[in-house]
N, C-alpha and C. Protein backbone atom coordinates (compact mmCIF):
# COMPACT_ATOMS: atom_id res chain seq x y z
N MET A 1 13.35 19.33 0.70
CA MET A 1 12.49 19.98 1.65
C MET A 1 12.31 21.45 1.27
N GLU A 2 12.23 21.69 0.04
CA GLU A 2 12.07 23.03 -0.51
C GLU A 2 10.83 23.74 0.03
N GLN A 3 9.77 22.99 0.36
CA GLN A 3 8.51 23.57 0.81
C GLN A 3 8.45 23.73 2.32
N GLY A 4 9.46 23.30 3.05
CA GLY A 4 9.45 23.41 4.50
C GLY A 4 8.84 22.21 5.20
N PHE A 5 8.58 21.14 4.46
CA PHE A 5 8.03 19.91 5.05
C PHE A 5 8.35 18.73 4.15
N PHE A 6 8.17 17.53 4.70
CA PHE A 6 8.22 16.31 3.90
C PHE A 6 7.21 15.33 4.48
N ASP A 7 6.73 14.41 3.67
CA ASP A 7 5.75 13.41 4.10
C ASP A 7 6.44 12.09 4.39
N VAL A 8 5.89 11.38 5.37
CA VAL A 8 6.44 10.10 5.82
C VAL A 8 5.27 9.12 5.88
N VAL A 9 5.52 7.86 5.54
CA VAL A 9 4.53 6.80 5.67
C VAL A 9 4.91 5.96 6.88
N GLY A 10 3.95 5.81 7.80
CA GLY A 10 4.19 5.04 9.02
C GLY A 10 4.47 3.58 8.71
N GLY A 11 5.45 3.02 9.40
CA GLY A 11 5.86 1.64 9.14
C GLY A 11 4.84 0.59 9.55
N ALA A 12 3.98 0.88 10.52
CA ALA A 12 3.02 -0.11 10.99
C ALA A 12 1.64 0.05 10.36
N THR A 13 1.13 1.27 10.34
CA THR A 13 -0.25 1.49 9.89
C THR A 13 -0.35 1.98 8.45
N ARG A 14 0.78 2.40 7.87
CA ARG A 14 0.83 2.98 6.53
C ARG A 14 0.13 4.34 6.45
N ARG A 15 -0.16 4.96 7.63
CA ARG A 15 -0.70 6.31 7.64
C ARG A 15 0.35 7.28 7.14
N ARG A 16 -0.11 8.41 6.61
CA ARG A 16 0.81 9.45 6.17
C ARG A 16 0.91 10.55 7.22
N TYR A 17 2.12 11.05 7.36
CA TYR A 17 2.39 12.14 8.29
C TYR A 17 3.16 13.22 7.54
N ARG A 18 2.91 14.46 7.88
CA ARG A 18 3.66 15.57 7.31
C ARG A 18 4.54 16.15 8.42
N VAL A 19 5.85 16.08 8.22
CA VAL A 19 6.80 16.62 9.18
C VAL A 19 7.20 18.01 8.67
N GLN A 20 6.81 19.03 9.42
CA GLN A 20 7.08 20.41 9.03
C GLN A 20 8.33 20.91 9.74
N TYR A 21 8.98 21.90 9.14
CA TYR A 21 10.18 22.45 9.74
C TYR A 21 9.86 22.95 11.14
N GLY A 22 10.63 22.51 12.10
CA GLY A 22 10.45 22.92 13.48
C GLY A 22 10.79 21.79 14.42
N SER A 23 10.52 22.03 15.70
CA SER A 23 10.87 21.02 16.68
C SER A 23 9.77 20.76 17.70
N VAL A 24 8.69 21.53 17.66
CA VAL A 24 7.58 21.35 18.61
C VAL A 24 6.27 21.31 17.83
N ALA A 25 5.46 20.29 18.08
CA ALA A 25 4.15 20.16 17.43
C ALA A 25 4.25 20.37 15.93
N ASN A 26 5.20 19.69 15.31
CA ASN A 26 5.47 19.89 13.88
C ASN A 26 5.15 18.68 13.01
N VAL A 27 4.48 17.67 13.59
CA VAL A 27 4.10 16.48 12.82
C VAL A 27 2.59 16.45 12.73
N GLN A 28 2.06 16.35 11.52
CA GLN A 28 0.61 16.35 11.33
C GLN A 28 0.18 15.09 10.60
N GLU A 29 -0.88 14.45 11.11
CA GLU A 29 -1.44 13.30 10.41
C GLU A 29 -2.14 13.79 9.15
N ILE A 30 -1.99 13.02 8.07
CA ILE A 30 -2.66 13.32 6.81
C ILE A 30 -3.51 12.11 6.46
N ASP A 31 -4.82 12.30 6.24
CA ASP A 31 -5.66 11.14 5.94
C ASP A 31 -5.48 10.70 4.49
N PHE A 32 -6.17 9.63 4.12
CA PHE A 32 -6.01 9.05 2.79
C PHE A 32 -6.52 9.96 1.67
N GLU A 33 -7.32 10.96 2.04
CA GLU A 33 -7.81 11.93 1.06
C GLU A 33 -6.92 13.17 0.99
N GLY A 34 -5.87 13.19 1.80
CA GLY A 34 -4.94 14.32 1.81
C GLY A 34 -5.32 15.44 2.75
N LYS A 35 -6.34 15.22 3.59
CA LYS A 35 -6.78 16.25 4.54
C LYS A 35 -5.96 16.16 5.82
N SER A 36 -5.74 17.32 6.43
CA SER A 36 -4.97 17.39 7.67
C SER A 36 -5.76 16.85 8.84
N GLY A 37 -5.05 16.19 9.73
CA GLY A 37 -5.66 15.65 10.94
C GLY A 37 -4.96 16.19 12.17
N SER A 38 -4.85 15.36 13.18
CA SER A 38 -4.24 15.75 14.44
C SER A 38 -2.78 16.18 14.28
N ILE A 39 -2.36 17.07 15.14
CA ILE A 39 -0.95 17.46 15.22
C ILE A 39 -0.33 16.66 16.35
N LEU A 40 0.85 16.12 16.09
CA LEU A 40 1.54 15.30 17.08
C LEU A 40 2.78 16.03 17.57
N CYS A 41 3.05 15.87 18.86
CA CYS A 41 4.24 16.48 19.46
C CYS A 41 5.07 15.37 20.10
N PHE A 42 6.21 15.07 19.51
CA PHE A 42 7.17 14.13 20.09
C PHE A 42 8.53 14.44 19.50
N ALA A 43 9.56 14.22 20.29
CA ALA A 43 10.92 14.55 19.85
C ALA A 43 11.92 13.75 20.66
N PRO A 44 13.12 13.58 20.14
CA PRO A 44 14.16 12.90 20.91
C PRO A 44 14.57 13.76 22.10
N GLU A 45 15.19 13.13 23.09
CA GLU A 45 15.66 13.86 24.26
C GLU A 45 16.91 14.66 23.92
N GLY A 46 17.11 15.73 24.66
CA GLY A 46 18.30 16.54 24.49
C GLY A 46 18.08 17.66 23.50
N TYR A 47 19.08 18.54 23.44
CA TYR A 47 18.98 19.68 22.53
C TYR A 47 19.53 19.29 21.16
N LEU A 48 18.70 19.41 20.15
CA LEU A 48 19.10 19.16 18.77
C LEU A 48 18.54 20.28 17.90
N VAL A 49 19.19 20.52 16.79
CA VAL A 49 18.68 21.52 15.84
C VAL A 49 17.44 20.95 15.15
N PRO A 50 16.55 21.81 14.62
CA PRO A 50 15.31 21.33 14.01
C PRO A 50 15.50 20.25 12.95
N GLY A 51 16.49 20.37 12.09
CA GLY A 51 16.70 19.36 11.05
C GLY A 51 16.98 17.98 11.62
N ASP A 52 17.74 17.91 12.71
CA ASP A 52 18.03 16.62 13.35
C ASP A 52 16.79 16.05 14.03
N ILE A 53 15.98 16.92 14.64
CA ILE A 53 14.73 16.48 15.26
C ILE A 53 13.80 15.91 14.20
N MET A 54 13.69 16.60 13.08
CA MET A 54 12.83 16.14 12.00
C MET A 54 13.29 14.78 11.46
N LEU A 55 14.58 14.60 11.33
CA LEU A 55 15.11 13.32 10.86
C LEU A 55 14.79 12.21 11.87
N ALA A 56 14.94 12.49 13.16
CA ALA A 56 14.62 11.50 14.19
C ALA A 56 13.12 11.16 14.16
N GLN A 57 12.27 12.16 13.94
CA GLN A 57 10.83 11.91 13.84
C GLN A 57 10.52 11.02 12.64
N LYS A 58 11.16 11.29 11.53
CA LYS A 58 10.96 10.49 10.32
C LYS A 58 11.35 9.04 10.57
N ILE A 59 12.52 8.84 11.13
CA ILE A 59 13.00 7.48 11.40
C ILE A 59 12.09 6.78 12.38
N ALA A 60 11.65 7.47 13.43
CA ALA A 60 10.76 6.87 14.42
C ALA A 60 9.44 6.42 13.79
N LEU A 61 8.86 7.26 12.95
CA LEU A 61 7.58 6.90 12.31
C LEU A 61 7.73 5.74 11.34
N GLU A 62 8.85 5.67 10.65
CA GLU A 62 9.07 4.57 9.71
C GLU A 62 9.45 3.27 10.42
N ALA A 63 10.31 3.36 11.42
CA ALA A 63 10.86 2.15 12.05
C ALA A 63 10.00 1.61 13.18
N ASP A 64 9.39 2.49 13.99
CA ASP A 64 8.60 2.04 15.13
C ASP A 64 7.46 3.03 15.38
N GLU A 65 6.58 3.11 14.40
CA GLU A 65 5.48 4.07 14.43
C GLU A 65 4.65 3.96 15.70
N LEU A 66 4.31 2.76 16.13
CA LEU A 66 3.43 2.59 17.29
C LEU A 66 4.08 3.11 18.56
N ALA A 67 5.39 2.92 18.72
CA ALA A 67 6.08 3.45 19.90
C ALA A 67 6.12 4.97 19.86
N ALA A 68 6.33 5.54 18.67
CA ALA A 68 6.34 7.00 18.54
C ALA A 68 4.96 7.56 18.89
N LEU A 69 3.90 6.93 18.42
CA LEU A 69 2.55 7.39 18.72
C LEU A 69 2.23 7.24 20.20
N ALA A 70 2.79 6.23 20.84
CA ALA A 70 2.53 6.00 22.26
C ALA A 70 3.07 7.12 23.14
N VAL A 71 4.16 7.76 22.73
CA VAL A 71 4.73 8.85 23.53
C VAL A 71 4.31 10.23 23.03
N ALA A 72 3.69 10.29 21.87
CA ALA A 72 3.31 11.58 21.28
C ALA A 72 2.11 12.19 22.01
N THR A 73 2.13 13.50 22.11
CA THR A 73 0.99 14.25 22.62
C THR A 73 0.21 14.75 21.41
N ARG A 74 -1.10 14.56 21.43
CA ARG A 74 -1.95 15.05 20.33
C ARG A 74 -2.42 16.46 20.65
N VAL A 75 -2.32 17.33 19.67
CA VAL A 75 -2.72 18.72 19.81
C VAL A 75 -3.79 18.99 18.77
N ALA A 76 -4.86 19.64 19.18
CA ALA A 76 -5.93 19.96 18.23
C ALA A 76 -5.41 20.97 17.21
N PRO A 77 -5.66 20.71 15.92
CA PRO A 77 -5.23 21.67 14.90
C PRO A 77 -6.01 22.97 15.00
N ILE A 78 -5.37 24.06 14.65
CA ILE A 78 -6.04 25.36 14.65
C ILE A 78 -6.69 25.55 13.28
N VAL A 79 -7.98 25.87 13.30
CA VAL A 79 -8.72 26.05 12.06
C VAL A 79 -9.35 27.44 12.08
N ARG A 80 -8.95 28.28 11.12
CA ARG A 80 -9.50 29.63 10.98
C ARG A 80 -9.52 30.41 12.28
N GLY A 81 -8.42 30.38 13.01
CA GLY A 81 -8.29 31.18 14.22
C GLY A 81 -8.91 30.58 15.47
N SER A 82 -9.52 29.42 15.38
CA SER A 82 -10.08 28.77 16.55
C SER A 82 -9.53 27.36 16.65
N ILE A 83 -9.71 26.75 17.81
CA ILE A 83 -9.23 25.39 18.00
C ILE A 83 -10.37 24.42 17.72
N ARG A 84 -10.12 23.47 16.84
CA ARG A 84 -11.11 22.45 16.51
C ARG A 84 -10.95 21.29 17.48
N SER A 85 -12.03 20.80 18.03
CA SER A 85 -11.95 19.67 18.96
C SER A 85 -11.67 18.39 18.20
N LEU A 86 -11.00 17.46 18.87
CA LEU A 86 -10.65 16.18 18.25
C LEU A 86 -11.76 15.18 18.36
């Protein structure tokens, strides 16, 4: 994780996600062309350090992607200082 993120392939849809260092709104959908998409916000309950949250997000996306997406909140990505609509 030298770059501050790692990519994950969803277990159900095979979509790619980029999990960035952090614990809030740190998962971004990546399309098949490598372009950034929606930002997702979901995390395990309780207080955990960012690395543990990121690991839980990775496992959730690989093992039960659809359940993770069902509880995730979608956040519009910020583009050039403004919010892009979804």
